[in-house]
C-alpha atoms as a PDB file:
ATOM      1  CA  UNK A   1      62.884 -24.137   0.294  1.00  0.00           C
ATOM      2  CA  UNK A   2      61.991 -20.479   0.883  1.00  0.00           C
ATOM      3  CA  UNK A   3      62.665 -17.683  -1.605  1.00  0.00           C
ATOM      4  CA  UNK A   4      65.596 -15.411  -0.853  1.00  0.00           C
ATOM      5  CA  UNK A   5      64.853 -12.188   1.086  1.00  0.00           C
ATOM      6  CA  UNK A   6      64.110  -9.104  -1.059  1.00  0.00           C
ATOM      7  CA  UNK A   7      67.005  -6.808  -1.771  1.00  0.00           C
ATOM      8  CA  UNK A   8      66.874  -3.075  -1.013  1.00  0.00           C
ATOM      9  CA  UNK A   9      63.954  -2.978   1.465  1.00  0.00           C
ATOM     10  CA  UNK A  10      64.242  -1.091   4.733  1.00  0.00           C
ATOM     11  CA  UNK A  11      62.990  -2.530   8.021  1.00  0.00           C
ATOM     12  CA  UNK A  12      59.558  -0.773   7.589  1.00  0.00           C
ATOM     13  CA  UNK A  13      58.990  -2.289   4.154  1.00  0.00           C
ATOM     14  CA  UNK A  14      57.910  -5.730   3.099  1.00  0.00           C
ATOM     15  CA  UNK A  15      56.986  -7.476  -0.156  1.00  0.00           C
ATOM     16  CA  UNK A  16      53.634  -6.228  -1.453  1.00  0.00           C
ATOM     17  CA  UNK A  17      53.765  -3.046   0.682  1.00  0.00           C
ATOM     18  CA  UNK A  18      53.435   0.268  -1.140  1.00  0.00           C
ATOM     19  CA  UNK A  19      54.488   3.300   0.942  1.00  0.00           C
ATOM     20  CA  UNK A  20      52.266   6.429   0.861  1.00  0.00           C
ATOM     21  CA  UNK A  21      53.610   9.957   0.888  1.00  0.00           C
ATOM     22  CA  UNK A  22      52.992  11.421   4.333  1.00  0.00           C
ATOM     23  CA  UNK A  23      52.252   8.009   5.783  1.00  0.00           C
ATOM     24  CA  UNK A  24      48.488   8.632   6.303  1.00  0.00           C
ATOM     25  CA  UNK A  25      45.859   6.658   4.416  1.00  0.00           C
ATOM     26  CA  UNK A  26      43.710   8.640   1.983  1.00  0.00           C
ATOM     27  CA  UNK A  27      40.494  10.158   3.322  1.00  0.00           C
ATOM     28  CA  UNK A  28      37.205   8.577   2.242  1.00  0.00           C
ATOM     29  CA  UNK A  29      35.182  10.735  -0.131  1.00  0.00           C
ATOM     30  CA  UNK A  30      32.388  12.726   1.523  1.00  0.00           C
ATOM     31  CA  UNK A  31      28.902  11.319   0.833  1.00  0.00           C
ATOM     32  CA  UNK A  32      27.255  12.816  -2.234  1.00  0.00           C
ATOM     33  CA  UNK A  33      23.714  14.146  -2.336  1.00  0.00           C
ATOM     34  CA  UNK A  34      22.603  10.928  -4.025  1.00  0.00           C
ATOM     35  CA  UNK A  35      24.215   8.892  -1.220  1.00  0.00           C
ATOM     36  CA  UNK A  36      22.052  10.830   1.268  1.00  0.00           C
ATOM     37  CA  UNK A  37      18.991  10.300  -0.974  1.00  0.00           C
ATOM     38  CA  UNK A  38      19.496   6.521  -0.737  1.00  0.00           C
ATOM     39  CA  UNK A  39      19.692   6.773   3.066  1.00  0.00           C
ATOM     40  CA  UNK A  40      16.528   8.909   3.203  1.00  0.00           C
ATOM     41  CA  UNK A  41      14.592   6.555   0.900  1.00  0.00           C
ATOM     42  CA  UNK A  42      15.538   3.485   2.936  1.00  0.00           C
ATOM     43  CA  UNK A  43      14.297   5.179   6.127  1.00  0.00           C
ATOM     44  CA  UNK A  44      10.804   5.882   4.717  1.00  0.00           C
ATOM     45  CA  UNK A  45       8.296   3.774   6.660  1.00  0.00           C
ATOM     46  CA  UNK A  46       5.086   3.612   4.633  1.00  0.00           C
ATOM     47  CA  UNK A  47       2.006   2.677   6.654  1.00  0.00           C
ATOM     48  CA  UNK A  48       0.144  -0.527   5.874  1.00  0.00           C
ATOM     49  CA  UNK A  49      -3.403   0.399   4.852  1.00  0.00           C
ATOM     50  CA  UNK A  50      -6.315  -0.743   7.000  1.00  0.00           C
ATOM     51  CA  UNK A  51      -9.450  -1.726   5.028  1.00  0.00           C
ATOM     52  CA  UNK A  52     -12.936  -0.555   6.043  1.00  0.00           C
ATOM     53  CA  UNK A  53     -16.300  -1.274   4.427  1.00  0.00           C
ATOM     54  CA  UNK A  54     -19.839  -0.150   5.152  1.00  0.00           C
ATOM     55  CA  UNK A  55     -21.784  -2.265   5.742  1.00  0.00           C
ATOM     56  CA  UNK A  56     -18.996  -3.686   7.916  1.00  0.00           C
ATOM     57  CA  UNK A  57     -18.028  -7.334   7.376  1.00  0.00           C
ATOM     58  CA  UNK A  58     -21.176  -8.278   5.455  1.00  0.00           C
ATOM     59  CA  UNK A  59     -22.950  -6.762   2.474  1.00  0.00           C
ATOM     60  CA  UNK A  60     -25.430  -7.864  -0.167  1.00  0.00           C
ATOM     61  CA  UNK A  61     -25.562  -8.275  -3.935  1.00  0.00           C
ATOM     62  CA  UNK A  62     -26.794  -5.051  -5.599  1.00  0.00           C
ATOM     63  CA  UNK A  63     -26.186  -2.965  -2.438  1.00  0.00           C
ATOM     64  CA  UNK A  64     -23.631  -0.158  -2.681  1.00  0.00           C
ATOM     65  CA  UNK A  65     -20.704  -0.929  -0.364  1.00  0.00           C
ATOM     66  CA  UNK A  66     -18.601   2.015   0.860  1.00  0.00           C
ATOM     67  CA  UNK A  67     -14.818   1.545   0.788  1.00  0.00           C
ATOM     68  CA  UNK A  68     -12.105   3.459   2.654  1.00  0.00           C
ATOM     69  CA  UNK A  69      -8.652   3.017   4.157  1.00  0.00           C
ATOM     70  CA  UNK A  70      -6.674   4.367   7.076  1.00  0.00           C
ATOM     71  CA  UNK A  71      -3.060   5.354   6.438  1.00  0.00           C
ATOM     72  CA  UNK A  72      -3.616   7.652   3.436  1.00  0.00           C
ATOM     73  CA  UNK A  73      -1.442  10.546   4.655  1.00  0.00           C
ATOM     74  CA  UNK A  74       1.724  12.211   3.375  1.00  0.00           C
ATOM     75  CA  UNK A  75       4.815  10.647   4.991  1.00  0.00           C
ATOM     76  CA  UNK A  76       8.090  12.571   5.413  1.00  0.00           C
ATOM     77  CA  UNK A  77      11.374  11.094   6.605  1.00  0.00           C
ATOM     78  CA  UNK A  78      13.595  12.761   9.155  1.00  0.00           C
ATOM     79  CA  UNK A  79      16.210  14.895   7.363  1.00  0.00           C
ATOM     80  CA  UNK A  80      19.586  13.178   6.899  1.00  0.00           C
ATOM     81  CA  UNK A  81      22.863  14.574   5.651  1.00  0.00           C
ATOM     82  CA  UNK A  82      26.010  16.428   6.461  1.00  0.00           C
ATOM     83  CA  UNK A  83      28.707  18.576   4.871  1.00  0.00           C
ATOM     84  CA  UNK A  84      26.298  21.321   3.784  1.00  0.00           C
ATOM     85  CA  UNK A  85      23.363  19.201   2.650  1.00  0.00           C
ATOM     86  CA  UNK A  86      20.184  17.949   4.294  1.00  0.00           C
ATOM     87  CA  UNK A  87      17.990  15.468   2.404  1.00  0.00           C
ATOM     88  CA  UNK A  88      14.370  14.582   3.133  1.00  0.00           C
ATOM     89  CA  UNK A  89      12.197  12.057   1.290  1.00  0.00           C
ATOM     90  CA  UNK A  90       8.421  12.486   0.944  1.00  0.00           C
ATOM     91  CA  UNK A  91       5.820   9.823   0.087  1.00  0.00           C
ATOM     92  CA  UNK A  92       2.502  11.172  -1.212  1.00  0.00           C
ATOM     93  CA  UNK A  93      -0.485   8.829  -1.598  1.00  0.00           C
ATOM     94  CA  UNK A  94      -1.830   8.971  -5.163  1.00  0.00           C
ATOM     95  CA  UNK A  95      -4.547   6.318  -5.335  1.00  0.00           C
ATOM     96  CA  UNK A  96      -5.939   3.144  -3.791  1.00  0.00           C
ATOM     97  CA  UNK A  97      -6.315  -0.002  -5.870  1.00  0.00           C
ATOM     98  CA  UNK A  98      -8.926  -2.326  -4.417  1.00  0.00           C
ATOM     99  CA  UNK A  99      -8.969  -6.083  -5.039  1.00  0.00           C
ATOM    100  CA  UNK A 100     -12.588  -6.857  -4.196  1.00  0.00           C
ATOM    101  CA  UNK A 101     -12.622 -10.579  -4.895  1.00  0.00           C
ATOM    102  CA  UNK A 102     -14.797 -10.437  -7.993  1.00  0.00           C
ATOM    103  CA  UNK A 103     -13.246  -7.292  -9.491  1.00  0.00           C
ATOM    104  CA  UNK A 104     -10.685  -4.531  -9.070  1.00  0.00           C
ATOM    105  CA  UNK A 105     -11.334  -0.823  -8.653  1.00  0.00           C
ATOM    106  CA  UNK A 106      -9.072   2.230  -8.314  1.00  0.00           C
ATOM    107  CA  UNK A 107     -10.069   5.278  -6.268  1.00  0.00           C
ATOM    108  CA  UNK A 108      -8.126   8.545  -6.306  1.00  0.00           C
ATOM    109  CA  UNK A 109      -8.616   9.217  -2.597  1.00  0.00           C
ATOM    110  CA  UNK A 110      -8.895   7.191   0.634  1.00  0.00           C
ATOM    111  CA  UNK A 111     -12.676   6.851   0.329  1.00  0.00           C
ATOM    112  CA  UNK A 112     -15.110   7.438   3.203  1.00  0.00           C
ATOM    113  CA  UNK A 113     -17.848   5.764   5.219  1.00  0.00           C
ATOM    114  CA  UNK A 114     -20.558   7.522   3.183  1.00  0.00           C
ATOM    115  CA  UNK A 115     -19.153   5.969  -0.018  1.00  0.00           C
ATOM    116  CA  UNK A 116     -19.455   9.184  -2.053  1.00  0.00           C
ATOM    117  CA  UNK A 117     -15.996   8.917  -3.613  1.00  0.00           C
ATOM    118  CA  UNK A 118     -15.214   5.199  -3.400  1.00  0.00           C
ATOM    119  CA  UNK A 119     -17.757   2.382  -3.466  1.00  0.00           C
ATOM    120  CA  UNK A 120     -18.550  -0.888  -5.164  1.00  0.00           C
ATOM    121  CA  UNK A 121     -21.708  -2.893  -5.881  1.00  0.00           C
ATOM    122  CA  UNK A 122     -21.224  -6.660  -5.870  1.00  0.00           C
ATOM    123  CA  UNK A 123     -22.855  -8.704  -8.632  1.00  0.00           C
ATOM    124  CA  UNK A 124     -22.322 -12.177  -7.124  1.00  0.00           C
ATOM    125  CA  UNK A 125     -22.562 -13.643  -3.645  1.00  0.00           C
ATOM    126  CA  UNK A 126     -19.401 -14.883  -1.940  1.00  0.00           C
ATOM    127  CA  UNK A 127     -20.938 -18.268  -0.956  1.00  0.00           C
ATOM    128  CA  UNK A 128     -18.657 -20.155  -3.386  1.00  0.00           C
ATOM    129  CA  UNK A 129     -15.468 -18.511  -2.076  1.00  0.00           C
ATOM    130  CA  UNK A 130     -13.146 -20.184   0.468  1.00  0.00           C
ATOM    131  CA  UNK A 131     -14.642 -19.492   3.894  1.00  0.00           C
ATOM    132  CA  UNK A 132     -17.743 -18.029   2.229  1.00  0.00           C
ATOM    133  CA  UNK A 133     -16.188 -14.557   1.955  1.00  0.00           C
ATOM    134  CA  UNK A 134     -14.280 -12.429  -0.531  1.00  0.00           C
ATOM    135  CA  UNK A 135     -10.801 -11.475   0.690  1.00  0.00           C
ATOM    136  CA  UNK A 136     -10.625  -7.712   0.133  1.00  0.00           C
ATOM    137  CA  UNK A 137      -7.272  -5.904  -0.074  1.00  0.00           C
ATOM    138  CA  UNK A 138      -6.390  -2.273  -0.645  1.00  0.00           C
ATOM    139  CA  UNK A 139      -3.080  -1.104  -2.110  1.00  0.00           C
ATOM    140  CA  UNK A 140      -2.046   2.514  -1.585  1.00  0.00           C
ATOM    141  CA  UNK A 141       0.119   3.701  -4.473  1.00  0.00           C
ATOM    142  CA  UNK A 142       2.748   6.172  -3.236  1.00  0.00           C
ATOM    143  CA  UNK A 143       4.697   8.755  -5.274  1.00  0.00           C
ATOM    144  CA  UNK A 144       8.176   9.189  -3.764  1.00  0.00           C
ATOM    145  CA  UNK A 145      10.141  12.428  -4.089  1.00  0.00           C
ATOM    146  CA  UNK A 146      13.106  13.987  -2.337  1.00  0.00           C
ATOM    147  CA  UNK A 147      14.493  17.466  -1.695  1.00  0.00           C
ATOM    148  CA  UNK A 148      17.912  18.669  -0.603  1.00  0.00           C
ATOM    149  CA  UNK A 149      18.525  21.847   1.386  1.00  0.00           C
ATOM    150  CA  UNK A 150      21.980  23.388   1.672  1.00  0.00           C
ATOM    151  CA  UNK A 151      24.829  24.875  -0.356  1.00  0.00           C
ATOM    152  CA  UNK A 152      26.414  21.491  -1.221  1.00  0.00           C
ATOM    153  CA  UNK A 153      23.248  19.969  -2.739  1.00  0.00           C
ATOM    154  CA  UNK A 154      23.756  18.639  -6.236  1.00  0.00           C
ATOM    155  CA  UNK A 155      21.061  18.138  -7.487  1.00  0.00           C
ATOM    156  CA  UNK A 156      18.373  19.907  -5.401  1.00  0.00           C
ATOM    157  CA  UNK A 157      15.625  17.287  -5.639  1.00  0.00           C
ATOM    158  CA  UNK A 158      13.886  14.715  -7.755  1.00  0.00           C
ATOM    159  CA  UNK A 159      11.497  11.806  -8.093  1.00  0.00           C
ATOM    160  CA  UNK A 160      12.083   8.284  -6.787  1.00  0.00           C
ATOM    161  CA  UNK A 161       9.240   6.544  -8.609  1.00  0.00           C
ATOM    162  CA  UNK A 162       6.234   4.874  -7.065  1.00  0.00           C
ATOM    163  CA  UNK A 163       5.887   2.244  -4.386  1.00  0.00           C
ATOM    164  CA  UNK A 164       2.799   0.197  -3.466  1.00  0.00           C
ATOM    165  CA  UNK A 165       1.793  -0.820   0.064  1.00  0.00           C
ATOM    166  CA  UNK A 166      -0.910  -3.498   0.385  1.00  0.00           C
ATOM    167  CA  UNK A 167      -3.223  -4.226   3.321  1.00  0.00           C
ATOM    168  CA  UNK A 168      -3.800  -7.570   4.942  1.00  0.00           C
ATOM    169  CA  UNK A 169      -6.767  -9.453   3.434  1.00  0.00           C
ATOM    170  CA  UNK A 170     -10.088  -8.531   5.064  1.00  0.00           C
ATOM    171  CA  UNK A 171     -12.962 -11.016   4.712  1.00  0.00           C
ATOM    172  CA  UNK A 172     -16.241  -9.612   3.356  1.00  0.00           C
ATOM    173  CA  UNK A 173     -19.323 -11.825   3.186  1.00  0.00           C
ATOM    174  CA  UNK A 174     -21.611 -10.950   0.262  1.00  0.00           C
ATOM    175  CA  UNK A 175     -25.087 -12.492   0.509  1.00  0.00           C
ATOM    176  CA  UNK A 176     -28.168 -12.453  -1.684  1.00  0.00           C
ATOM    177  CA  UNK A 177     -31.546 -11.280  -0.500  1.00  0.00           C
ATOM    178  CA  UNK A 178     -34.286 -13.657  -1.599  1.00  0.00           C
ATOM    179  CA  UNK A 179     -37.841 -12.362  -1.914  1.00  0.00           C
ATOM    180  CA  UNK A 180     -41.117 -14.065  -2.526  1.00  0.00           C
ATOM    181  CA  UNK A 181     -43.844 -12.027  -4.159  1.00  0.00           C
ATOM    182  CA  UNK A 182     -46.450 -14.732  -3.572  1.00  0.00           C
ATOM    183  CA  UNK A 183     -47.241 -15.126  -7.255  1.00  0.00           C
END
């Protein structure tokens, strides 16, 4: 058995229907500055670091090994926004944390082939490691910020914290040099 029809409804009304004045649905709220910040942050494509060592691929115990990475550059997103605001996110590299197999080291720049600012001297050979090599990784630590340009910006800018980006493992063979003094 069905319930009786509702009393007092016109032909454009039905149970559960609430009429709106003017008949048009309400407009969605315009995106806020922080909504645009979230869009800008999600569009930031941080580069994956590429590990380099000198000597390349093989080094020796007690020999200074130079360390450096590619991809240590400021990254800016394309501006996004509307309704009087344009938001851009910026990622600035702060440091590189190296996992060297037998130790960790942090350098405050990308390093270089000459090893003046970022280097490491191994104490033990890698012969006992899987594959006979240390698996070296570099993690660039990024500081994320944002800025808004336009009359509708509220607030004008701020920090978004830090984000790490780690390289693929790079094998590095560390050998020992044996000498015989004849004594």
